[in-house]
Amino acid sequence: MWDWYHLTDFYISEDYRNKGLGSQVIKRIEEFALNNNAMGVKINS
């Protein structure tokens, strides 16, 4: 697979901000990447 996973243009609607949703999504993406032998995740949003 790829060495790195890239996350771009990540957006949380104002209705769902400040509820920890964004952190949960990023954590799941990081876990998925590491479980699939990636070195890490690069986030640009």
PDB file of N, CA and C in Angstrom:
ATOM      1  N   MET A   1       0.840  -1.189   0.000  1.00  0.00           N
ATOM      2  CA  MET A   1       0.000   0.000   0.000  1.00  0.00           C
ATOM      3  C   MET A   1       0.881   1.247   0.000  1.00  0.00           C
ATOM      4  N   TRP A   2       0.285   2.357   0.268  1.00  0.00           N
ATOM      5  CA  TRP A   2       1.011   3.623   0.239  1.00  0.00           C
ATOM      6  C   TRP A   2       1.784   3.839   1.528  1.00  0.00           C
ATOM      7  N   ASP A   3       2.825   4.663   1.438  1.00  0.00           N
ATOM      8  CA  ASP A   3       3.592   4.983   2.639  1.00  0.00           C
ATOM      9  C   ASP A   3       2.819   5.912   3.568  1.00  0.00           C
ATOM     10  N   TRP A   4       2.112   6.866   2.985  1.00  0.00           N
ATOM     11  CA  TRP A   4       1.371   7.860   3.757  1.00  0.00           C
ATOM     12  C   TRP A   4      -0.051   7.978   3.231  1.00  0.00           C
ATOM     13  N   TYR A   5      -0.985   8.264   4.115  1.00  0.00           N
ATOM     14  CA  TYR A   5      -2.352   8.605   3.714  1.00  0.00           C
ATOM     15  C   TYR A   5      -2.458  10.121   3.806  1.00  0.00           C
ATOM     16  N   HIS A   6      -3.163  10.718   2.867  1.00  0.00           N
ATOM     17  CA  HIS A   6      -3.308  12.173   2.821  1.00  0.00           C
ATOM     18  C   HIS A   6      -4.779  12.544   2.997  1.00  0.00           C
ATOM     19  N   LEU A   7      -5.034  13.447   3.920  1.00  0.00           N
ATOM     20  CA  LEU A   7      -6.385  13.942   4.165  1.00  0.00           C
ATOM     21  C   LEU A   7      -6.402  15.425   3.815  1.00  0.00           C
ATOM     22  N   THR A   8      -7.216  15.793   2.837  1.00  0.00           N
ATOM     23  CA  THR A   8      -7.304  17.194   2.426  1.00  0.00           C
ATOM     24  C   THR A   8      -8.758  17.637   2.420  1.00  0.00           C
ATOM     25  N   ASP A   9      -8.942  18.921   2.545  1.00  0.00           N
ATOM     26  CA  ASP A   9     -10.275  19.533   2.495  1.00  0.00           C
ATOM     27  C   ASP A   9     -11.240  18.912   3.494  1.00  0.00           C
ATOM     28  N   PHE A  10     -10.777  18.724   4.700  1.00  0.00           N
ATOM     29  CA  PHE A  10     -11.612  18.167   5.769  1.00  0.00           C
ATOM     30  C   PHE A  10     -12.463  19.283   6.346  1.00  0.00           C
ATOM     31  N   TYR A  11     -13.762  19.056   6.426  1.00  0.00           N
ATOM     32  CA  TYR A  11     -14.692  20.101   6.873  1.00  0.00           C
ATOM     33  C   TYR A  11     -15.766  19.492   7.758  1.00  0.00           C
ATOM     34  N   ILE A  12     -16.033  20.141   8.873  1.00  0.00           N
ATOM     35  CA  ILE A  12     -17.135  19.766   9.759  1.00  0.00           C
ATOM     36  C   ILE A  12     -18.154  20.901   9.722  1.00  0.00           C
ATOM     37  N   SER A  13     -19.391  20.567   9.419  1.00  0.00           N
ATOM     38  CA  SER A  13     -20.466  21.560   9.384  1.00  0.00           C
ATOM     39  C   SER A  13     -20.595  22.241  10.747  1.00  0.00           C
ATOM     40  N   GLU A  14     -20.953  23.499  10.737  1.00  0.00           N
ATOM     41  CA  GLU A  14     -21.074  24.260  11.987  1.00  0.00           C
ATOM     42  C   GLU A  14     -22.011  23.589  12.986  1.00  0.00           C
ATOM     43  N   ASP A  15     -23.021  22.882  12.498  1.00  0.00           N
ATOM     44  CA  ASP A  15     -23.972  22.202  13.389  1.00  0.00           C
ATOM     45  C   ASP A  15     -23.308  21.110  14.219  1.00  0.00           C
ATOM     46  N   TYR A  16     -22.161  20.594  13.764  1.00  0.00           N
ATOM     47  CA  TYR A  16     -21.505  19.479  14.432  1.00  0.00           C
ATOM     48  C   TYR A  16     -20.168  19.841  15.061  1.00  0.00           C
ATOM     49  N   ARG A  17     -19.797  21.106  15.034  1.00  0.00           N
ATOM     50  CA  ARG A  17     -18.521  21.529  15.612  1.00  0.00           C
ATOM     51  C   ARG A  17     -18.592  21.553  17.136  1.00  0.00           C
ATOM     52  N   ASN A  18     -17.422  21.488  17.748  1.00  0.00           N
ATOM     53  CA  ASN A  18     -17.264  21.536  19.206  1.00  0.00           C
ATOM     54  C   ASN A  18     -17.936  20.362  19.911  1.00  0.00           C
ATOM     55  N   LYS A  19     -18.045  19.239  19.204  1.00  0.00           N
ATOM     56  CA  LYS A  19     -18.642  18.033  19.781  1.00  0.00           C
ATOM     57  C   LYS A  19     -17.667  16.862  19.728  1.00  0.00           C
ATOM     58  N   GLY A  20     -16.449  17.132  19.270  1.00  0.00           N
ATOM     59  CA  GLY A  20     -15.437  16.087  19.214  1.00  0.00           C
ATOM     60  C   GLY A  20     -15.526  15.195  17.977  1.00  0.00           C
ATOM     61  N   LEU A  21     -16.447  15.495  17.076  1.00  0.00           N
ATOM     62  CA  LEU A  21     -16.627  14.666  15.892  1.00  0.00           C
ATOM     63  C   LEU A  21     -15.392  14.674  14.994  1.00  0.00           C
ATOM     64  N   GLY A  22     -14.837  15.839  14.756  1.00  0.00           N
ATOM     65  CA  GLY A  22     -13.646  15.937  13.911  1.00  0.00           C
ATOM     66  C   GLY A  22     -12.485  15.137  14.474  1.00  0.00           C
ATOM     67  N   SER A  23     -12.279  15.223  15.768  1.00  0.00           N
ATOM     68  CA  SER A  23     -11.213  14.455  16.415  1.00  0.00           C
ATOM     69  C   SER A  23     -11.438  12.960  16.279  1.00  0.00           C
ATOM     70  N   GLN A  24     -12.684  12.533  16.401  1.00  0.00           N
ATOM     71  CA  GLN A  24     -13.010  11.113  16.266  1.00  0.00           C
ATOM     72  C   GLN A  24     -12.737  10.627  14.846  1.00  0.00           C
ATOM     73  N   VAL A  25     -13.122  11.418  13.862  1.00  0.00           N
ATOM     74  CA  VAL A  25     -12.899  11.033  12.466  1.00  0.00           C
ATOM     75  C   VAL A  25     -11.411  10.930  12.176  1.00  0.00           C
ATOM     76  N   ILE A  26     -10.636  11.919  12.606  1.00  0.00           N
ATOM     77  CA  ILE A  26      -9.191  11.904  12.358  1.00  0.00           C
ATOM     78  C   ILE A  26      -8.545  10.719  13.062  1.00  0.00           C
ATOM     79  N   LYS A  27      -8.962  10.426  14.280  1.00  0.00           N
ATOM     80  CA  LYS A  27      -8.413   9.277  15.005  1.00  0.00           C
ATOM     81  C   LYS A  27      -8.690   7.984  14.249  1.00  0.00           C
ATOM     82  N   ARG A  28      -9.901   7.822  13.727  1.00  0.00           N
ATOM     83  CA  ARG A  28     -10.243   6.606  12.971  1.00  0.00           C
ATOM     84  C   ARG A  28      -9.420   6.504  11.686  1.00  0.00           C
ATOM     85  N   ILE A  29      -9.205   7.642  11.026  1.00  0.00           N
ATOM     86  CA  ILE A  29      -8.387   7.640   9.807  1.00  0.00           C
ATOM     87  C   ILE A  29      -6.956   7.240  10.134  1.00  0.00           C
ATOM     88  N   GLU A  30      -6.417   7.770  11.219  1.00  0.00           N
ATOM     89  CA  GLU A  30      -5.066   7.412  11.630  1.00  0.00           C
ATOM     90  C   GLU A  30      -4.969   5.925  11.956  1.00  0.00           C
ATOM     91  N   GLU A  31      -5.949   5.394  12.671  1.00  0.00           N
ATOM     92  CA  GLU A  31      -5.956   3.973  13.008  1.00  0.00           C
ATOM     93  C   GLU A  31      -6.025   3.115  11.742  1.00  0.00           C
ATOM     94  N   PHE A  32      -6.882   3.503  10.803  1.00  0.00           N
ATOM     95  CA  PHE A  32      -7.010   2.772   9.549  1.00  0.00           C
ATOM     96  C   PHE A  32      -5.687   2.764   8.793  1.00  0.00           C
ATOM     97  N   ALA A  33      -5.049   3.920   8.716  1.00  0.00           N
ATOM     98  CA  ALA A  33      -3.791   4.030   7.988  1.00  0.00           C
ATOM     99  C   ALA A  33      -2.726   3.131   8.620  1.00  0.00           C
ATOM    100  N   LEU A  34      -2.590   3.183   9.926  1.00  0.00           N
ATOM    101  CA  LEU A  34      -1.574   2.386  10.598  1.00  0.00           C
ATOM    102  C   LEU A  34      -1.871   0.892  10.500  1.00  0.00           C
ATOM    103  N   ASN A  35      -3.151   0.519  10.539  1.00  0.00           N
ATOM    104  CA  ASN A  35      -3.530  -0.885  10.399  1.00  0.00           C
ATOM    105  C   ASN A  35      -3.312  -1.399   8.982  1.00  0.00           C
ATOM    106  N   ASN A  36      -3.108  -0.488   8.039  1.00  0.00           N
ATOM    107  CA  ASN A  36      -2.864  -0.868   6.651  1.00  0.00           C
ATOM    108  C   ASN A  36      -1.435  -0.536   6.231  1.00  0.00           C
ATOM    109  N   ASN A  37      -0.542  -0.582   7.225  1.00  0.00           N
ATOM    110  CA  ASN A  37       0.905  -0.457   7.017  1.00  0.00           C
ATOM    111  C   ASN A  37       1.363   0.895   6.489  1.00  0.00           C
ATOM    112  N   ALA A  38       0.592   1.937   6.709  1.00  0.00           N
ATOM    113  CA  ALA A  38       1.045   3.281   6.341  1.00  0.00           C
ATOM    114  C   ALA A  38       1.967   3.804   7.439  1.00  0.00           C
ATOM    115  N   MET A  39       2.836   4.723   7.068  1.00  0.00           N
ATOM    116  CA  MET A  39       3.719   5.335   8.052  1.00  0.00           C
ATOM    117  C   MET A  39       2.971   6.362   8.896  1.00  0.00           C
ATOM    118  N   GLY A  40       1.921   6.952   8.314  1.00  0.00           N
ATOM    119  CA  GLY A  40       1.157   7.949   9.038  1.00  0.00           C
ATOM    120  C   GLY A  40       0.167   8.635   8.118  1.00  0.00           C
ATOM    121  N   VAL A  41      -0.398   9.718   8.636  1.00  0.00           N
ATOM    122  CA  VAL A  41      -1.388  10.496   7.900  1.00  0.00           C
ATOM    123  C   VAL A  41      -0.921  11.947   7.841  1.00  0.00           C
ATOM    124  N   LYS A  42      -0.989  12.533   6.665  1.00  0.00           N
ATOM    125  CA  LYS A  42      -0.698  13.960   6.499  1.00  0.00           C
ATOM    126  C   LYS A  42      -2.036  14.675   6.323  1.00  0.00           C
ATOM    127  N   ILE A  43      -2.270  15.673   7.155  1.00  0.00           N
ATOM    128  CA  ILE A  43      -3.557  16.374   7.143  1.00  0.00           C
ATOM    129  C   ILE A  43      -3.353  17.815   6.709  1.00  0.00           C
ATOM    130  N   ASN A  44      -4.084  18.217   5.673  1.00  0.00           N
ATOM    131  CA  ASN A  44      -4.105  19.594   5.189  1.00  0.00           C
ATOM    132  C   ASN A  44      -5.568  19.986   5.004  1.00  0.00           C
ATOM    133  N   SER A  45      -6.039  20.881   5.836  1.00  0.00           N
ATOM    134  CA  SER A  45      -7.429  21.297   5.659  1.00  0.00           C
ATOM    135  C   SER A  45      -7.554  22.790   5.856  1.00  0.00           C
TER     136      SER A  45
END
